[in-house]
Structures are given as C-alpha cells and as structure tokens.
Amino acid sequence: MADDLLDNGGRTYDPAADHAFPDERVNAVLEYVDDDAEIAAYLDAQNVNPVQRKGYNDHGSKHVSIVRNRALCLYDLLKAGGVTFDGARQQGLDEADEAVIIGLAAVLHDIGHIIHRDSHAYYSIPLAADVLDRILPEFYDTEARIRIKGEILHAILCHHTVEKPLTTEAGVLRVADALDMEQGRSRMPYRQGGRGIDTLSSQAITQVALLEGEDYPVLVEITMTDAAGVYQVDELLKSKLNNSGIEEYIRIVAMNTREDDLLERIEL
C-alpha cells in the first residue's frame, strides 16, 4: 500500500492495489456508481451554478474524481497508521463499510450545487438521500442501509458547513475536499484576469501529494511556485483540517520552489 501511494503521490486510488483496509465492498460499490446515468447527470448539472453563474472553479465530475481519489488515499494512509475509525463501528457496521461511507460521500457531496452554490451542503442532503435510497439496496439489507445512509449524509453535511464532523469518516471527506487545490483548481474564488490574492494563490500551487509521514500517519506535501500559495493553504486546507477530528494525524509542509522568494518552506 505505502509503495503504491508513494508512486503516485497519493493522487489516485487504485482498486487493484493492496490496501490497509478490506476493499472488495467499496470497489464493487464504486464500480456500480461509475455506470450510473443519474449520478453522471448530477455531476454535469451541478457545475452550472458554481462555474457559469458564480465564477468559481470546477465543482463537477473532475472535482468529484479528485476528491474521491484523495479521500480514499487519505483513508488508506490513516488506516495504515493505526488510526481508528468510528462512524461505521458505532453503527454496528463492518470495517469494510468505512470506505463505502467515504467513497459515496465523496461522489455525492456537491450535488446540492444544482440548487445553489451558497449553502450547497444542506441542499445536497435530500438529493443524495434519494440517490442512496436507490443504490444502497443493491448492497445492503434494510437496517444496514439506514445506518450507512445516515453516515454518508453526515459526512456530506459536514464537508462545507459550520457543523463539526462527529466521525472520522466525515473528517476525511472534509479534508479531502480541500486537497483539490492544485494550479487553477482552488476551492477559493478565482477571479479570471485578476491579480488579487485569491487568483495569485490559486495559480501558485503546482502539486499536492499525500505521503506516509515519519512522525504522523499522513504528510501533506504542497509544492508552490510563489509564496502567495500559503494563503490558499492557510485559508482553505488548514481551516478545514481544524476541527475535522483527524488534525492530530496530519502534518502539512508547503515548499516554495521560486528561488527569489524569501519563503522556502513552511510547516503547518
């Protein structure tokens, strides 16, 4: 598992690789949803409000793919580091359901954008619930379906609201959502043609890598071409990491490759 993550910088979850958790169930569920026409339509439609009407960056299928991959890679590293997950366990579900909660929450977390960008996490709840009511019976009996549905919706709710994640699984989605911040893909508003700090910082980050840490289960290594990228890290990633429930397991290091800048390396 560790070697696989190191090879791709923790950027892509490979279903065929060895993982620190039982992966057969999540792999089957994600294969199923990847062929689902309704979900594909949501991922396309949910991009209109944030991009065309509000001037934000992509929140459609590309963003969802990045968040899903980062979430599962982050989960894998945390499991390999001995971190205990509590959402599925407290509901009496299987360990294999932890990854299902994270994976499906990542797929559905932004569908509320079809209603409005503002407060979209709240709008995502009823829409995601309808999708889950159709999908989950393919894999779970009634009781397990109700319990895992609640955990998925909890993670979706907490990814972009003031509500504090109450489970480790929800914390993973919250942090993974902020990890889609490489050049031009900032979650902070991007002002096309502008020279403000939002624009400069969003263009400054060239790579985000999830690695196995030495003193922490996870090292988030961020490469920048300008010190302005620190604004993106501090305002977006650090703010989502705080009160996520997994902050004690993650170390963030930002490195500036621009030689004429005073800032070379910062640890958060």
Protein backbone atom coordinates (compact mmCIF):
# COMPACT_ATOMS: atom_id res chain seq x y z
CA MET A 1 0.00 0.00 0.00
CA ALA A 2 2.63 2.56 1.02
CA ASP A 3 4.73 1.97 -2.12
CA ASP A 4 1.66 2.37 -4.33
CA LEU A 5 0.80 5.70 -2.72
CA LEU A 6 4.36 6.93 -2.94
CA ASP A 7 4.43 6.10 -6.65
CA ASN A 8 1.51 8.40 -7.48
CA GLY A 9 1.85 10.93 -4.67
CA GLY A 10 -1.39 9.77 -3.08
CA ARG A 11 -3.27 11.21 -6.04
CA THR A 12 -5.16 8.18 -7.32
CA TYR A 13 -6.90 5.33 -5.56
CA ASP A 14 -6.14 2.06 -7.35
CA PRO A 15 -8.79 -0.62 -6.69
CA ALA A 16 -6.35 -3.35 -7.74
CA ALA A 17 -3.64 -2.32 -5.27
CA ASP A 18 -3.15 -3.71 -1.78
CA HIS A 19 -4.76 -1.55 0.88
CA ALA A 20 -4.71 -1.24 4.65
CA PHE A 21 -8.44 -1.99 4.78
CA PRO A 22 -10.86 -4.54 3.26
CA ASP A 23 -11.55 -3.06 -0.17
CA GLU A 24 -13.80 -5.53 -2.00
CA ARG A 25 -17.04 -3.84 -0.95
CA VAL A 26 -16.07 -0.28 -1.76
CA ASN A 27 -14.61 -1.36 -5.09
CA ALA A 28 -17.89 -3.04 -6.04
CA VAL A 29 -19.97 -0.04 -4.94
CA LEU A 30 -17.82 2.48 -6.82
CA GLU A 31 -17.83 0.35 -9.96
CA TYR A 32 -21.62 0.34 -9.76
CA VAL A 33 -21.99 4.12 -9.33
CA ASP A 34 -19.48 4.83 -12.10
CA ASP A 35 -22.00 3.34 -14.54
CA ASP A 36 -25.00 5.18 -13.08
CA ALA A 37 -26.65 7.60 -15.52
CA GLU A 38 -28.41 9.64 -12.85
CA ILE A 39 -25.21 10.34 -10.94
CA ALA A 40 -23.44 11.26 -14.17
CA ALA A 41 -26.22 13.76 -14.92
CA TYR A 42 -25.90 15.29 -11.45
CA LEU A 43 -22.13 15.68 -11.82
CA ASP A 44 -22.64 17.53 -15.08
CA ALA A 45 -25.55 19.72 -13.96
CA GLN A 46 -24.01 20.65 -10.60
CA ASN A 47 -21.27 22.61 -12.37
CA VAL A 48 -23.57 25.28 -13.83
CA ASN A 49 -24.26 27.33 -10.70
CA PRO A 50 -20.71 27.47 -9.28
CA VAL A 51 -18.89 27.93 -12.60
CA GLN A 52 -21.17 29.74 -15.04
CA ARG A 53 -23.24 31.75 -12.60
CA LYS A 54 -20.95 32.36 -9.62
CA GLY A 55 -17.49 32.41 -11.22
CA TYR A 56 -15.99 29.61 -9.12
CA ASN A 57 -13.80 26.82 -10.40
CA ASP A 58 -14.99 23.37 -11.43
CA HIS A 59 -17.25 21.54 -8.97
CA GLY A 60 -18.36 18.83 -11.38
CA SER A 61 -17.07 15.41 -12.34
CA LYS A 62 -13.38 16.42 -12.30
CA HIS A 63 -13.60 17.83 -8.78
CA VAL A 64 -15.56 14.82 -7.56
CA SER A 65 -13.00 12.44 -9.08
CA ILE A 66 -10.13 14.27 -7.37
CA VAL A 67 -11.89 14.37 -4.00
CA ARG A 68 -12.87 10.71 -4.22
CA ASN A 69 -9.33 9.65 -5.02
CA ARG A 70 -7.76 11.85 -2.36
CA ALA A 71 -10.31 10.79 0.26
CA LEU A 72 -9.63 7.09 -0.26
CA CYS A 73 -5.86 7.60 -0.36
CA LEU A 74 -6.05 9.66 2.82
CA TYR A 75 -8.19 6.98 4.45
CA ASP A 76 -5.69 4.31 3.37
CA LEU A 77 -2.77 6.18 4.94
CA LEU A 78 -4.68 6.77 8.16
CA LYS A 79 -5.63 3.09 8.40
CA ALA A 80 -2.03 2.07 7.74
CA GLY A 81 -1.01 4.44 10.52
CA GLY A 82 -3.27 2.71 13.02
CA VAL A 83 -5.99 5.38 13.20
CA THR A 84 -9.31 4.05 14.50
CA PHE A 85 -12.44 4.96 12.55
CA ASP A 86 -15.67 5.33 14.49
CA GLY A 87 -18.59 6.07 12.16
CA ALA A 88 -19.31 2.60 10.80
CA ARG A 89 -18.17 0.94 14.04
CA GLN A 90 -20.57 2.91 16.24
CA GLN A 91 -23.43 1.99 13.93
CA GLY A 92 -22.59 -1.70 14.20
CA LEU A 93 -21.48 -1.81 10.57
CA ASP A 94 -18.45 -3.64 9.17
CA GLU A 95 -14.96 -2.24 8.82
CA ALA A 96 -15.45 -2.62 5.06
CA ASP A 97 -18.24 -0.03 5.27
CA GLU A 98 -15.86 2.75 6.36
CA ALA A 99 -14.52 3.10 2.83
CA VAL A 100 -18.04 2.87 1.37
CA ILE A 101 -19.13 5.80 3.55
CA ILE A 102 -16.14 7.85 2.44
CA GLY A 103 -16.39 6.88 -1.23
CA LEU A 104 -20.11 7.52 -1.66
CA ALA A 105 -19.97 10.74 0.37
CA ALA A 106 -17.21 11.95 -1.93
CA VAL A 107 -19.25 11.11 -5.03
CA LEU A 108 -22.39 12.89 -3.81
CA HIS A 109 -21.06 15.70 -1.62
CA ASP A 110 -21.58 18.55 -4.09
CA ILE A 111 -24.83 17.66 -5.88
CA GLY A 112 -26.62 20.43 -3.98
CA HIS A 113 -24.91 22.84 -6.35
CA ILE A 114 -27.72 22.18 -8.83
CA ILE A 115 -29.90 24.25 -6.49
CA HIS A 116 -27.41 26.91 -5.37
CA ARG A 117 -23.71 27.29 -4.64
CA ASP A 118 -24.45 29.03 -1.34
CA SER A 119 -25.32 26.54 1.41
CA HIS A 120 -24.94 23.73 -1.12
CA ALA A 121 -24.05 21.13 1.50
CA TYR A 122 -27.53 21.45 3.00
CA TYR A 123 -29.18 21.11 -0.40
CA SER A 124 -27.06 18.03 -1.11
CA ILE A 125 -28.70 16.11 1.73
CA PRO A 126 -32.18 15.42 0.24
CA LEU A 127 -30.76 14.89 -3.25
CA ALA A 128 -28.11 12.46 -2.05
CA ALA A 129 -30.69 10.69 0.12
CA ASP A 130 -32.82 9.97 -2.96
CA VAL A 131 -29.82 8.56 -4.83
CA LEU A 132 -28.75 6.45 -1.86
CA ASP A 133 -32.26 5.04 -1.46
CA ARG A 134 -31.93 3.66 -4.98
CA ILE A 135 -28.32 2.45 -4.81
CA LEU A 136 -27.86 1.04 -1.32
CA PRO A 137 -30.48 -1.75 -1.62
CA GLU A 138 -28.20 -3.33 -4.21
CA PHE A 139 -25.64 -3.97 -1.45
CA TYR A 140 -27.32 -3.80 1.98
CA ASP A 141 -30.35 -5.05 3.90
CA THR A 142 -32.81 -2.58 5.41
CA GLU A 143 -31.14 -1.96 8.77
CA ALA A 144 -27.61 -1.63 7.39
CA ARG A 145 -28.93 0.58 4.60
CA ILE A 146 -30.47 3.05 7.07
CA ARG A 147 -27.34 3.21 9.18
CA ILE A 148 -24.85 3.66 6.34
CA LYS A 149 -27.12 6.21 4.66
CA GLY A 150 -27.05 8.32 7.83
CA GLU A 151 -23.27 8.18 8.00
CA ILE A 152 -22.87 9.18 4.35
CA LEU A 153 -25.26 12.11 4.76
CA HIS A 154 -23.46 13.22 7.93
CA ALA A 155 -20.15 13.33 6.04
CA ILE A 156 -21.76 15.30 3.19
CA LEU A 157 -23.29 17.80 5.61
CA CYS A 158 -20.01 18.46 7.42
CA HIS A 159 -17.80 18.88 4.36
CA HIS A 160 -18.58 22.59 3.88
CA THR A 161 -20.62 23.85 6.84
CA VAL A 162 -20.07 25.02 10.40
CA GLU A 163 -21.18 21.62 11.67
CA LYS A 164 -18.24 19.76 13.21
CA PRO A 165 -17.68 16.22 11.91
CA LEU A 166 -18.68 13.68 14.55
CA THR A 167 -16.97 10.76 12.82
CA THR A 168 -13.51 10.07 11.46
CA GLU A 169 -15.03 9.20 8.09
CA ALA A 170 -16.67 12.63 7.87
CA GLY A 171 -13.37 14.27 8.79
CA VAL A 172 -11.65 12.53 5.89
CA LEU A 173 -14.14 13.92 3.37
CA ARG A 174 -13.88 17.42 4.83
CA VAL A 175 -10.10 17.45 4.43
CA ALA A 176 -10.10 15.70 1.04
CA ASP A 177 -12.42 18.37 -0.36
CA ALA A 178 -9.72 20.96 0.40
CA LEU A 179 -6.99 18.88 -1.24
CA ASP A 180 -8.29 19.79 -4.70
CA MET A 181 -6.18 22.94 -4.78
CA GLU A 182 -3.55 22.47 -7.44
CA GLN A 183 -2.84 25.15 -10.02
CA GLY A 184 -6.07 26.70 -11.24
CA ARG A 185 -8.24 24.33 -9.18
CA SER A 186 -8.50 26.32 -5.97
CA ARG A 187 -11.67 25.93 -3.91
CA MET A 188 -11.30 29.62 -3.09
CA PRO A 189 -12.93 32.02 -5.59
CA TYR A 190 -10.83 32.53 -8.71
CA ARG A 191 -11.20 35.91 -10.38
CA GLN A 192 -10.41 35.44 -14.02
CA GLY A 193 -7.96 38.05 -15.25
CA GLY A 194 -7.48 39.40 -11.73
CA ARG A 195 -4.31 39.90 -9.74
CA GLY A 196 -5.80 39.63 -6.26
CA ILE A 197 -4.56 37.23 -3.60
CA ASP A 198 -7.29 34.69 -4.49
CA THR A 199 -6.09 34.50 -8.09
CA LEU A 200 -2.37 34.55 -7.30
CA SER A 201 -2.64 31.91 -4.61
CA SER A 202 -4.79 29.59 -6.73
CA GLN A 203 -2.19 29.66 -9.50
CA ALA A 204 0.79 29.20 -7.17
CA ILE A 205 0.23 25.58 -6.09
CA THR A 206 1.65 23.09 -8.57
CA GLN A 207 1.30 19.81 -6.70
CA VAL A 208 -0.35 18.31 -3.65
CA ALA A 209 0.99 14.94 -2.52
CA LEU A 210 -0.31 12.61 0.18
CA LEU A 211 2.56 10.64 1.66
CA GLU A 212 3.30 8.37 4.58
CA GLY A 213 4.77 10.55 7.33
CA GLU A 214 7.57 9.79 9.76
CA ASP A 215 6.01 11.17 12.93
CA TYR A 216 2.43 11.36 11.66
CA PRO A 217 0.40 8.86 9.63
CA VAL A 218 -0.03 11.41 6.83
CA LEU A 219 2.26 14.02 5.33
CA VAL A 220 0.58 16.52 3.01
CA GLU A 221 3.38 17.91 0.85
CA ILE A 222 2.47 21.02 -1.15
CA THR A 223 4.72 22.44 -3.86
CA MET A 224 4.33 26.12 -4.77
CA THR A 225 5.91 28.50 -7.28
CA ASP A 226 5.03 31.59 -5.25
CA ALA A 227 4.69 32.37 -1.55
CA ALA A 228 1.14 33.52 -2.26
CA GLY A 229 0.17 29.85 -2.23
CA VAL A 230 0.41 29.93 1.56
CA TYR A 231 -2.81 31.94 1.59
CA GLN A 232 -4.57 29.07 -0.17
CA VAL A 233 -3.14 26.53 2.25
CA ASP A 234 -3.95 28.58 5.33
CA GLU A 235 -7.41 29.81 4.33
CA LEU A 236 -8.64 26.57 2.77
CA LEU A 237 -6.78 23.45 3.85
CA LYS A 238 -5.86 24.49 7.37
CA SER A 239 -9.34 25.83 8.08
CA LYS A 240 -10.91 22.53 7.00
CA LEU A 241 -8.33 20.46 8.85
CA ASN A 242 -9.06 22.29 12.10
CA ASN A 243 -11.88 20.56 14.00
CA SER A 244 -12.00 17.78 11.39
CA GLY A 245 -11.24 15.17 14.05
CA ILE A 246 -8.16 13.96 12.15
CA GLU A 247 -5.91 17.02 12.54
CA GLU A 248 -3.65 15.27 15.05
CA TYR A 249 -2.70 12.66 12.43
CA ILE A 250 -1.74 15.01 9.61
CA ARG A 251 1.27 17.24 9.03
CA ILE A 252 1.29 19.87 6.28
CA VAL A 253 4.51 21.03 4.65
CA ALA A 254 4.46 23.69 1.93
CA MET A 255 7.60 24.19 -0.19
CA ASN A 256 8.26 27.17 -2.41
CA THR A 257 10.38 26.40 -5.50
CA ARG A 258 10.78 30.05 -6.53
CA GLU A 259 14.40 30.92 -5.78
CA ASP A 260 13.99 34.69 -5.41
CA ASP A 261 11.28 34.37 -2.77
CA LEU A 262 12.03 34.74 0.93
CA LEU A 263 9.73 31.90 1.90
CA GLU A 264 11.20 28.49 1.09
CA ARG A 265 9.40 26.09 3.44
CA ILE A 266 6.63 26.32 5.98
CA GLU A 267 5.14 23.69 8.26
CA LEU A 268 1.55 23.99 9.42
